[in-house]
Amino acid sequence: MHSYAQRYRATSVGTVNRVRLVIMMYEGAIGAIRAARRHLEGGNLSRKGTYVNRAGSIVAELQSVLDMERGGEISRNLDRLYAYVIEQLTEANIENNSAKLAVAERVLSILKEGWDGIAHMPDVQTAGVPVQRASPASPQLAAQP
């Protein structure tokens, strides 16, 4: 598991820090996709696969902690987006398709922008409905994008 996901799981801190950890997970996934694209373009398919898998693991972790009951429609939408990103990553890996990696990167970048906005909200400490729940080793997120 990527270090961002490990930090997310191991940290039980305030909302601001949890939001920052989610942002770090997005940054990790986006960075892994960019590395995969570089390796694909350079012909190093083994390294490409390593980075695609890393990005997929991070997105799967984000998806696994969605709180469908408390997060409602937002959680359901995120679940669909995460599934789409994982599908794009899988197909990109199988087909060696840089365009599908670019699509996955763009979706995650847009989602990250939303979380960046949350991080700058003055009332993020008292943010409303959680959209993600704690997995057995994960803290609960109390903010929504």
N, C-alpha and C. Protein backbone atom coordinates (compact mmCIF):
# COMPACT_ATOMS: atom_id res chain seq x y z
N MET A 1 0.85 -1.19 0.00
CA MET A 1 0.00 0.00 0.00
C MET A 1 0.89 1.24 0.00
N HIS A 2 0.49 2.22 -0.71
CA HIS A 2 1.24 3.47 -0.85
C HIS A 2 1.28 4.20 0.49
N SER A 3 2.34 4.94 0.75
CA SER A 3 2.53 5.62 2.03
C SER A 3 1.41 6.60 2.35
N TYR A 4 0.77 7.22 1.35
CA TYR A 4 -0.32 8.14 1.63
C TYR A 4 -1.49 7.39 2.25
N ALA A 5 -1.80 6.24 1.71
CA ALA A 5 -2.89 5.45 2.26
C ALA A 5 -2.54 4.97 3.66
N GLN A 6 -1.28 4.61 3.87
CA GLN A 6 -0.86 4.18 5.20
C GLN A 6 -1.00 5.32 6.20
N ARG A 7 -0.61 6.52 5.80
CA ARG A 7 -0.76 7.67 6.70
C ARG A 7 -2.22 7.94 6.99
N TYR A 8 -3.06 7.82 5.96
CA TYR A 8 -4.49 8.04 6.13
C TYR A 8 -5.04 7.05 7.14
N ARG A 9 -4.67 5.79 7.00
CA ARG A 9 -5.17 4.75 7.89
C ARG A 9 -4.66 4.92 9.32
N ALA A 10 -3.41 5.29 9.46
CA ALA A 10 -2.78 5.30 10.77
C ALA A 10 -3.05 6.56 11.58
N THR A 11 -3.57 7.59 10.96
CA THR A 11 -3.70 8.87 11.62
C THR A 11 -5.12 9.11 12.09
N SER A 12 -5.27 9.41 13.35
CA SER A 12 -6.57 9.78 13.89
C SER A 12 -6.42 11.19 14.43
N VAL A 13 -6.69 12.16 13.57
CA VAL A 13 -6.45 13.56 13.90
C VAL A 13 -7.66 14.39 13.55
N GLY A 14 -7.56 15.70 13.75
CA GLY A 14 -8.66 16.62 13.46
C GLY A 14 -9.03 16.66 12.00
N THR A 15 -10.18 17.25 11.73
CA THR A 15 -10.73 17.32 10.39
C THR A 15 -9.76 17.94 9.40
N VAL A 16 -9.12 19.03 9.77
CA VAL A 16 -8.22 19.70 8.83
C VAL A 16 -7.12 18.74 8.39
N ASN A 17 -6.53 18.02 9.33
CA ASN A 17 -5.47 17.08 8.98
C ASN A 17 -6.00 15.92 8.16
N ARG A 18 -7.21 15.46 8.45
CA ARG A 18 -7.80 14.37 7.67
C ARG A 18 -8.05 14.83 6.24
N VAL A 19 -8.53 16.06 6.09
CA VAL A 19 -8.73 16.60 4.75
C VAL A 19 -7.39 16.66 4.03
N ARG A 20 -6.37 17.10 4.71
CA ARG A 20 -5.03 17.17 4.11
C ARG A 20 -4.55 15.78 3.69
N LEU A 21 -4.84 14.77 4.49
CA LEU A 21 -4.43 13.41 4.14
C LEU A 21 -5.15 12.92 2.88
N VAL A 22 -6.42 13.27 2.73
CA VAL A 22 -7.14 12.91 1.51
C VAL A 22 -6.49 13.61 0.32
N ILE A 23 -6.16 14.87 0.49
CA ILE A 23 -5.49 15.61 -0.58
C ILE A 23 -4.16 14.94 -0.93
N MET A 24 -3.44 14.50 0.08
CA MET A 24 -2.17 13.81 -0.16
C MET A 24 -2.39 12.50 -0.93
N MET A 25 -3.49 11.82 -0.64
CA MET A 25 -3.79 10.60 -1.38
C MET A 25 -4.06 10.91 -2.85
N TYR A 26 -4.83 11.98 -3.09
CA TYR A 26 -5.06 12.39 -4.48
C TYR A 26 -3.73 12.75 -5.14
N GLU A 27 -2.88 13.50 -4.44
CA GLU A 27 -1.58 13.87 -5.00
C GLU A 27 -0.75 12.63 -5.32
N GLY A 28 -0.80 11.65 -4.43
CA GLY A 28 -0.07 10.41 -4.66
C GLY A 28 -0.57 9.67 -5.89
N ALA A 29 -1.89 9.59 -6.04
CA ALA A 29 -2.47 8.90 -7.19
C ALA A 29 -2.14 9.64 -8.49
N ILE A 30 -2.29 10.95 -8.45
CA ILE A 30 -2.00 11.77 -9.64
C ILE A 30 -0.52 11.65 -10.01
N GLY A 31 0.34 11.73 -9.01
CA GLY A 31 1.78 11.59 -9.27
C GLY A 31 2.12 10.23 -9.84
N ALA A 32 1.47 9.19 -9.34
CA ALA A 32 1.72 7.84 -9.86
C ALA A 32 1.26 7.72 -11.31
N ILE A 33 0.13 8.33 -11.63
CA ILE A 33 -0.36 8.30 -13.01
C ILE A 33 0.62 9.04 -13.93
N ARG A 34 1.11 10.17 -13.47
CA ARG A 34 2.08 10.91 -14.29
C ARG A 34 3.35 10.09 -14.51
N ALA A 35 3.79 9.42 -13.47
CA ALA A 35 4.98 8.57 -13.61
C ALA A 35 4.69 7.41 -14.57
N ALA A 36 3.50 6.84 -14.48
CA ALA A 36 3.13 5.76 -15.39
C ALA A 36 3.14 6.24 -16.84
N ARG A 37 2.63 7.44 -17.06
CA ARG A 37 2.63 7.99 -18.43
C ARG A 37 4.06 8.18 -18.94
N ARG A 38 4.94 8.70 -18.08
CA ARG A 38 6.34 8.89 -18.48
C ARG A 38 6.98 7.55 -18.85
N HIS A 39 6.73 6.54 -18.01
CA HIS A 39 7.32 5.22 -18.28
C HIS A 39 6.71 4.58 -19.52
N LEU A 40 5.43 4.79 -19.74
CA LEU A 40 4.79 4.27 -20.95
C LEU A 40 5.42 4.91 -22.19
N GLU A 41 5.55 6.23 -22.14
CA GLU A 41 6.15 6.96 -23.28
C GLU A 41 7.60 6.57 -23.49
N GLY A 42 8.30 6.22 -22.40
CA GLY A 42 9.69 5.80 -22.50
C GLY A 42 9.87 4.33 -22.81
N GLY A 43 8.77 3.60 -22.90
CA GLY A 43 8.84 2.18 -23.24
C GLY A 43 9.12 1.24 -22.09
N ASN A 44 9.13 1.74 -20.87
CA ASN A 44 9.38 0.88 -19.71
C ASN A 44 8.03 0.42 -19.16
N LEU A 45 7.51 -0.64 -19.76
CA LEU A 45 6.16 -1.10 -19.43
C LEU A 45 6.06 -1.70 -18.03
N SER A 46 7.14 -2.27 -17.55
CA SER A 46 7.13 -2.82 -16.19
C SER A 46 6.93 -1.71 -15.16
N ARG A 47 7.71 -0.64 -15.29
CA ARG A 47 7.57 0.49 -14.36
C ARG A 47 6.22 1.17 -14.54
N LYS A 48 5.74 1.25 -15.79
CA LYS A 48 4.41 1.81 -16.05
C LYS A 48 3.38 1.05 -15.23
N GLY A 49 3.45 -0.28 -15.29
CA GLY A 49 2.51 -1.11 -14.55
C GLY A 49 2.59 -0.91 -13.05
N THR A 50 3.80 -0.74 -12.55
CA THR A 50 3.98 -0.50 -11.11
C THR A 50 3.26 0.77 -10.69
N TYR A 51 3.41 1.82 -11.46
CA TYR A 51 2.79 3.10 -11.10
C TYR A 51 1.28 3.10 -11.33
N VAL A 52 0.82 2.40 -12.35
CA VAL A 52 -0.64 2.29 -12.55
C VAL A 52 -1.24 1.55 -11.36
N ASN A 53 -0.59 0.48 -10.94
CA ASN A 53 -1.09 -0.28 -9.78
C ASN A 53 -1.08 0.56 -8.52
N ARG A 54 -0.06 1.37 -8.34
CA ARG A 54 0.02 2.25 -7.17
C ARG A 54 -1.16 3.23 -7.17
N ALA A 55 -1.41 3.85 -8.31
CA ALA A 55 -2.53 4.79 -8.42
C ALA A 55 -3.85 4.07 -8.14
N GLY A 56 -4.01 2.89 -8.72
CA GLY A 56 -5.24 2.13 -8.50
C GLY A 56 -5.44 1.75 -7.05
N SER A 57 -4.37 1.42 -6.35
CA SER A 57 -4.47 1.08 -4.93
C SER A 57 -4.93 2.27 -4.10
N ILE A 58 -4.42 3.43 -4.42
CA ILE A 58 -4.81 4.64 -3.69
C ILE A 58 -6.28 4.95 -3.94
N VAL A 59 -6.70 4.88 -5.19
CA VAL A 59 -8.11 5.16 -5.51
C VAL A 59 -9.01 4.11 -4.87
N ALA A 60 -8.60 2.86 -4.88
CA ALA A 60 -9.40 1.80 -4.24
C ALA A 60 -9.53 2.06 -2.74
N GLU A 61 -8.49 2.55 -2.12
CA GLU A 61 -8.56 2.88 -0.69
C GLU A 61 -9.54 4.02 -0.46
N LEU A 62 -9.47 5.05 -1.28
CA LEU A 62 -10.44 6.16 -1.16
C LEU A 62 -11.86 5.63 -1.32
N GLN A 63 -12.06 4.74 -2.27
CA GLN A 63 -13.39 4.19 -2.52
C GLN A 63 -13.84 3.32 -1.35
N SER A 64 -12.95 2.58 -0.75
CA SER A 64 -13.32 1.63 0.30
C SER A 64 -13.80 2.30 1.58
N VAL A 65 -13.45 3.55 1.78
CA VAL A 65 -13.85 4.22 3.02
C VAL A 65 -15.00 5.20 2.83
N LEU A 66 -15.65 5.16 1.68
CA LEU A 66 -16.82 6.02 1.48
C LEU A 66 -17.93 5.58 2.43
N ASP A 67 -18.58 6.53 3.05
CA ASP A 67 -19.70 6.25 3.95
C ASP A 67 -20.99 6.47 3.16
N MET A 68 -21.53 5.40 2.61
CA MET A 68 -22.70 5.50 1.75
C MET A 68 -23.95 5.92 2.51
N GLU A 69 -24.05 5.55 3.76
CA GLU A 69 -25.24 5.93 4.54
C GLU A 69 -25.23 7.41 4.89
N ARG A 70 -24.16 7.88 5.45
CA ARG A 70 -24.11 9.26 5.91
C ARG A 70 -23.74 10.23 4.79
N GLY A 71 -23.03 9.76 3.79
CA GLY A 71 -22.60 10.63 2.70
C GLY A 71 -23.62 10.79 1.60
N GLY A 72 -24.61 9.91 1.57
CA GLY A 72 -25.70 10.02 0.61
C GLY A 72 -25.25 10.10 -0.83
N GLU A 73 -25.86 11.02 -1.56
CA GLU A 73 -25.62 11.15 -2.99
C GLU A 73 -24.17 11.48 -3.31
N ILE A 74 -23.54 12.28 -2.47
CA ILE A 74 -22.14 12.64 -2.71
C ILE A 74 -21.27 11.38 -2.68
N SER A 75 -21.49 10.53 -1.68
CA SER A 75 -20.72 9.29 -1.60
C SER A 75 -20.99 8.38 -2.78
N ARG A 76 -22.24 8.29 -3.19
CA ARG A 76 -22.58 7.46 -4.35
C ARG A 76 -21.89 7.99 -5.62
N ASN A 77 -21.89 9.31 -5.78
CA ASN A 77 -21.22 9.90 -6.94
C ASN A 77 -19.71 9.66 -6.91
N LEU A 78 -19.12 9.83 -5.73
CA LEU A 78 -17.68 9.56 -5.61
C LEU A 78 -17.39 8.09 -5.90
N ASP A 79 -18.24 7.19 -5.42
CA ASP A 79 -18.06 5.77 -5.67
C ASP A 79 -18.04 5.49 -7.17
N ARG A 80 -18.97 6.09 -7.90
CA ARG A 80 -19.01 5.90 -9.35
C ARG A 80 -17.77 6.49 -10.03
N LEU A 81 -17.35 7.66 -9.57
CA LEU A 81 -16.15 8.28 -10.15
C LEU A 81 -14.91 7.44 -9.87
N TYR A 82 -14.78 6.95 -8.64
CA TYR A 82 -13.63 6.11 -8.31
C TYR A 82 -13.65 4.83 -9.15
N ALA A 83 -14.82 4.22 -9.32
CA ALA A 83 -14.93 3.01 -10.15
C ALA A 83 -14.51 3.32 -11.59
N TYR A 84 -14.93 4.46 -12.09
CA TYR A 84 -14.57 4.87 -13.45
C TYR A 84 -13.06 5.06 -13.58
N VAL A 85 -12.46 5.71 -12.59
CA VAL A 85 -11.01 5.92 -12.62
C VAL A 85 -10.28 4.58 -12.60
N ILE A 86 -10.72 3.68 -11.74
CA ILE A 86 -10.09 2.35 -11.66
C ILE A 86 -10.25 1.62 -13.00
N GLU A 87 -11.41 1.74 -13.62
CA GLU A 87 -11.63 1.13 -14.94
C GLU A 87 -10.67 1.72 -15.98
N GLN A 88 -10.53 3.04 -15.98
CA GLN A 88 -9.61 3.68 -16.92
C GLN A 88 -8.18 3.24 -16.68
N LEU A 89 -7.79 3.14 -15.42
CA LEU A 89 -6.43 2.70 -15.09
C LEU A 89 -6.20 1.27 -15.54
N THR A 90 -7.17 0.41 -15.29
CA THR A 90 -7.04 -0.99 -15.69
C THR A 90 -6.91 -1.13 -17.20
N GLU A 91 -7.79 -0.45 -17.92
CA GLU A 91 -7.74 -0.51 -19.39
C GLU A 91 -6.45 0.12 -19.92
N ALA A 92 -6.03 1.21 -19.31
CA ALA A 92 -4.78 1.85 -19.74
C ALA A 92 -3.60 0.91 -19.55
N ASN A 93 -3.60 0.18 -18.46
CA ASN A 93 -2.51 -0.75 -18.17
C ASN A 93 -2.50 -1.90 -19.17
N ILE A 94 -3.67 -2.45 -19.45
CA ILE A 94 -3.77 -3.58 -20.38
C ILE A 94 -3.43 -3.15 -21.81
N GLU A 95 -3.96 -1.98 -22.20
CA GLU A 95 -3.83 -1.52 -23.59
C GLU A 95 -2.61 -0.62 -23.82
N ASN A 96 -1.88 -0.30 -22.75
CA ASN A 96 -0.78 0.68 -22.85
C ASN A 96 -1.28 1.96 -23.50
N ASN A 97 -2.34 2.50 -22.92
CA ASN A 97 -3.07 3.62 -23.49
C ASN A 97 -2.87 4.88 -22.65
N SER A 98 -2.07 5.79 -23.14
CA SER A 98 -1.77 7.04 -22.43
C SER A 98 -3.00 7.93 -22.30
N ALA A 99 -3.89 7.90 -23.28
CA ALA A 99 -5.09 8.74 -23.23
C ALA A 99 -5.99 8.35 -22.05
N LYS A 100 -6.08 7.07 -21.75
CA LYS A 100 -6.89 6.63 -20.62
C LYS A 100 -6.24 7.02 -19.29
N LEU A 101 -4.92 7.01 -19.26
CA LEU A 101 -4.23 7.51 -18.07
C LEU A 101 -4.52 8.99 -17.89
N ALA A 102 -4.55 9.73 -18.98
CA ALA A 102 -4.84 11.17 -18.92
C ALA A 102 -6.25 11.42 -18.40
N VAL A 103 -7.21 10.60 -18.80
CA VAL A 103 -8.58 10.74 -18.31
C VAL A 103 -8.63 10.51 -16.81
N ALA A 104 -7.99 9.45 -16.34
CA ALA A 104 -7.96 9.15 -14.91
C ALA A 104 -7.31 10.30 -14.14
N GLU A 105 -6.22 10.81 -14.67
CA GLU A 105 -5.53 11.93 -14.02
C GLU A 105 -6.44 13.16 -13.94
N ARG A 106 -7.16 13.44 -15.00
CA ARG A 106 -8.03 14.62 -15.02
C ARG A 106 -9.17 14.49 -14.01
N VAL A 107 -9.79 13.34 -13.93
CA VAL A 107 -10.87 13.14 -12.96
C VAL A 107 -10.35 13.35 -11.54
N LEU A 108 -9.22 12.75 -11.23
CA LEU A 108 -8.65 12.89 -9.89
C LEU A 108 -8.22 14.33 -9.62
N SER A 109 -7.72 15.02 -10.62
CA SER A 109 -7.32 16.42 -10.44
C SER A 109 -8.52 17.29 -10.11
N ILE A 110 -9.64 17.04 -10.77
CA ILE A 110 -10.86 17.81 -10.48
C ILE A 110 -11.34 17.52 -9.06
N LEU A 111 -11.33 16.26 -8.67
CA LEU A 111 -11.74 15.91 -7.30
C LEU A 111 -10.81 16.54 -6.27
N LYS A 112 -9.51 16.53 -6.56
CA LYS A 112 -8.54 17.13 -5.65
C LYS A 112 -8.81 18.62 -5.49
N GLU A 113 -9.17 19.29 -6.57
CA GLU A 113 -9.50 20.73 -6.48
C GLU A 113 -10.63 20.96 -5.48
N GLY A 114 -11.62 20.08 -5.48
CA GLY A 114 -12.71 20.19 -4.51
C GLY A 114 -12.22 20.06 -3.08
N TRP A 115 -11.36 19.09 -2.84
CA TRP A 115 -10.81 18.90 -1.50
C TRP A 115 -9.88 20.06 -1.12
N ASP A 116 -9.16 20.61 -2.09
CA ASP A 116 -8.34 21.80 -1.81
C ASP A 116 -9.23 22.94 -1.33
N GLY A 117 -10.39 23.09 -1.94
CA GLY A 117 -11.33 24.12 -1.52
C GLY A 117 -11.81 23.90 -0.10
N ILE A 118 -12.08 22.65 0.25
CA ILE A 118 -12.51 22.33 1.61
C ILE A 118 -11.42 22.69 2.60
N ALA A 119 -10.18 22.39 2.25
CA ALA A 119 -9.06 22.66 3.16
C ALA A 119 -8.93 24.14 3.48
N HIS A 120 -9.40 24.99 2.59
CA HIS A 120 -9.29 26.44 2.80
C HIS A 120 -10.54 27.06 3.38
N MET A 121 -11.55 26.25 3.67
CA MET A 121 -12.77 26.79 4.26
C MET A 121 -12.52 27.11 5.73
N PRO A 122 -12.98 28.28 6.19
CA PRO A 122 -12.73 28.65 7.59
C PRO A 122 -13.43 27.74 8.58
N ASP A 123 -14.54 27.13 8.20
CA ASP A 123 -15.28 26.31 9.14
C ASP A 123 -15.08 24.82 8.90
N VAL A 124 -13.95 24.43 8.30
CA VAL A 124 -13.72 23.02 8.00
C VAL A 124 -13.69 22.17 9.28
N GLN A 125 -13.33 22.76 10.41
CA GLN A 125 -13.31 22.02 11.67
C GLN A 125 -14.70 21.52 12.06
N THR A 126 -15.73 22.22 11.60
CA THR A 126 -17.09 21.83 11.96
C THR A 126 -17.89 21.44 10.72
N ALA A 127 -17.20 20.93 9.71
CA ALA A 127 -17.86 20.58 8.45
C ALA A 127 -18.97 19.57 8.69
N GLY A 128 -19.92 19.57 7.77
CA GLY A 128 -21.15 18.81 7.91
C GLY A 128 -21.06 17.32 7.73
N VAL A 129 -21.81 16.80 6.81
CA VAL A 129 -22.04 15.37 6.66
C VAL A 129 -20.78 14.65 6.18
N PRO A 130 -20.36 13.62 6.90
CA PRO A 130 -19.22 12.85 6.44
C PRO A 130 -19.59 12.06 5.19
N VAL A 131 -18.66 11.95 4.27
CA VAL A 131 -18.89 11.14 3.08
C VAL A 131 -18.02 9.90 3.10
N GLN A 132 -17.12 9.83 4.06
CA GLN A 132 -16.27 8.67 4.15
C GLN A 132 -16.29 8.20 5.59
N ARG A 133 -16.27 6.90 5.75
CA ARG A 133 -16.30 6.31 7.08
C ARG A 133 -14.94 5.70 7.36
N ALA A 134 -14.74 5.39 8.59
CA ALA A 134 -13.48 4.75 8.96
C ALA A 134 -13.51 3.29 8.54
N SER A 135 -12.47 2.86 7.85
CA SER A 135 -12.31 1.43 7.63
C SER A 135 -11.70 0.91 8.93
N PRO A 136 -11.51 -0.37 9.07
CA PRO A 136 -11.03 -0.87 10.36
C PRO A 136 -9.83 -0.12 10.92
N ALA A 137 -8.95 0.38 10.06
CA ALA A 137 -7.77 1.08 10.55
C ALA A 137 -7.72 2.53 10.08
N SER A 138 -8.87 3.08 9.64
CA SER A 138 -8.87 4.43 9.07
C SER A 138 -9.66 5.40 9.92
N PRO A 139 -9.22 6.65 9.99
CA PRO A 139 -10.01 7.66 10.68
C PRO A 139 -11.19 8.07 9.82
N GLN A 140 -12.20 8.62 10.45
CA GLN A 140 -13.37 9.09 9.72
C GLN A 140 -13.13 10.49 9.19
N LEU A 141 -13.58 10.74 7.97
CA LEU A 141 -13.50 12.08 7.40
C LEU A 141 -14.79 12.79 7.71
N ALA A 142 -14.70 14.01 8.13
CA ALA A 142 -15.89 14.77 8.48
C ALA A 142 -16.16 15.89 7.50
N ALA A 143 -15.54 15.85 6.36
CA ALA A 143 -15.75 16.90 5.36
C ALA A 143 -16.19 16.25 4.06
N GLN A 144 -16.80 17.03 3.24
CA GLN A 144 -17.24 16.53 1.95
C GLN A 144 -16.78 17.46 0.85
N PRO A 145 -16.49 16.90 -0.34
CA PRO A 145 -16.09 17.77 -1.44
C PRO A 145 -17.29 18.44 -2.05
